[in-house]
Amino acid sequence: MGDEAEQMQREFEALLAAYRTRCLWFLRLDYVPVTTQEKLRVLGYVEQHGDLEAFRRAAPIRSWLSQNSKDAFVR
C-alpha cells in the first residue's frame, strides 16, 4: 500500500470511529468495510446522517476511492 493509500485508509478509519455511533448505529459495532464498494456505501451513510464536518471529511476519501475503483476497471 502506498503512502497516499495508507493516509486515506487512516482518514477513513478516523472518520468511521468519529461517526460510528451517530451515523452508523445500525451496523454492527465490529463492522469494518473492506472492499471499495463497502467503503463507499459507509461514506454515503456518514454523508447522509452526519453533519457538515462529516460531509467535508468524507469528500476527499470518496474522491480517492472513486478514482481508484475506476482505475481497477480500466486495467
Protein backbone atom coordinates (compact mmCIF):
# COMPACT_ATOMS: atom_id res chain seq x y z
CA MET A 1 0.00 0.00 0.00
CA GLY A 2 1.45 3.40 -0.97
CA ASP A 3 1.73 6.44 1.24
CA GLU A 4 -1.41 8.05 -0.19
CA ALA A 5 -3.38 4.84 0.20
CA GLU A 6 -2.22 4.46 3.81
CA GLN A 7 -3.14 8.08 4.57
CA MET A 8 -6.61 7.69 3.03
CA GLN A 9 -7.13 4.45 4.96
CA ARG A 10 -6.18 6.20 8.22
CA GLU A 11 -8.54 9.08 7.43
CA PHE A 12 -11.33 6.63 6.59
CA GLU A 13 -10.81 4.75 9.86
CA ALA A 14 -10.77 8.01 11.84
CA LEU A 15 -13.99 9.14 10.16
CA LEU A 16 -15.57 5.77 10.87
CA ALA A 17 -14.57 5.95 14.54
CA ALA A 18 -15.75 9.55 14.94
CA TYR A 19 -19.20 9.00 13.39
CA ARG A 20 -19.92 5.35 14.12
CA THR A 21 -22.44 5.91 16.93
CA ARG A 22 -24.15 8.88 15.28
CA CYS A 23 -24.29 7.77 11.65
CA LEU A 24 -23.67 4.03 11.62
CA TRP A 25 -25.65 2.93 14.68
CA PHE A 26 -27.50 0.34 12.58
CA LEU A 27 -24.28 -1.50 11.66
CA ARG A 28 -22.52 -3.98 13.93
CA LEU A 29 -20.01 -2.27 16.21
CA ASP A 30 -17.25 -4.52 14.88
CA TYR A 31 -18.15 -3.97 11.21
CA VAL A 32 -15.20 -2.71 9.18
CA PRO A 33 -15.79 -2.31 5.46
CA VAL A 34 -13.13 -3.98 3.35
CA THR A 35 -13.99 -3.53 -0.31
CA THR A 36 -14.16 -0.22 -2.13
CA GLN A 37 -17.90 -0.64 -2.62
CA GLU A 38 -18.44 -1.27 1.10
CA LYS A 39 -16.35 1.79 1.97
CA LEU A 40 -18.27 3.96 -0.48
CA ARG A 41 -21.56 2.72 1.00
CA VAL A 42 -20.42 3.58 4.53
CA LEU A 43 -19.23 7.00 3.38
CA GLY A 44 -22.71 7.55 1.96
CA TYR A 45 -24.24 6.76 5.35
CA VAL A 46 -21.89 9.21 7.05
CA GLU A 47 -22.67 11.91 4.48
CA GLN A 48 -26.40 11.28 4.78
CA HIS A 49 -26.65 11.09 8.58
CA GLY A 50 -23.71 13.23 9.67
CA ASP A 51 -23.12 16.93 9.97
CA LEU A 52 -21.39 19.29 7.57
CA GLU A 53 -17.98 18.41 9.01
CA ALA A 54 -18.62 14.72 8.33
CA PHE A 55 -19.61 15.54 4.76
CA ARG A 56 -16.45 17.59 4.28
CA ARG A 57 -14.22 14.89 5.76
CA ALA A 58 -15.82 12.21 3.59
CA ALA A 59 -15.43 14.12 0.30
CA PRO A 60 -11.69 13.58 -0.31
CA ILE A 61 -11.94 9.95 0.76
CA ARG A 62 -14.87 9.37 -1.61
CA SER A 63 -12.99 11.07 -4.43
CA TRP A 64 -9.90 8.96 -3.85
CA LEU A 65 -11.87 5.71 -3.60
CA SER A 66 -13.92 6.53 -6.70
CA GLN A 67 -10.79 7.36 -8.68
CA ASN A 68 -9.13 4.10 -7.68
CA SER A 69 -12.22 1.99 -8.34
CA LYS A 70 -12.39 3.40 -11.89
CA ASP A 71 -8.70 2.58 -12.40
CA ALA A 72 -9.39 -1.02 -11.44
CA PHE A 73 -11.97 -1.33 -14.22
CA VAL A 74 -9.67 0.18 -16.84
CA ARG A 75 -6.85 -2.29 -16.24
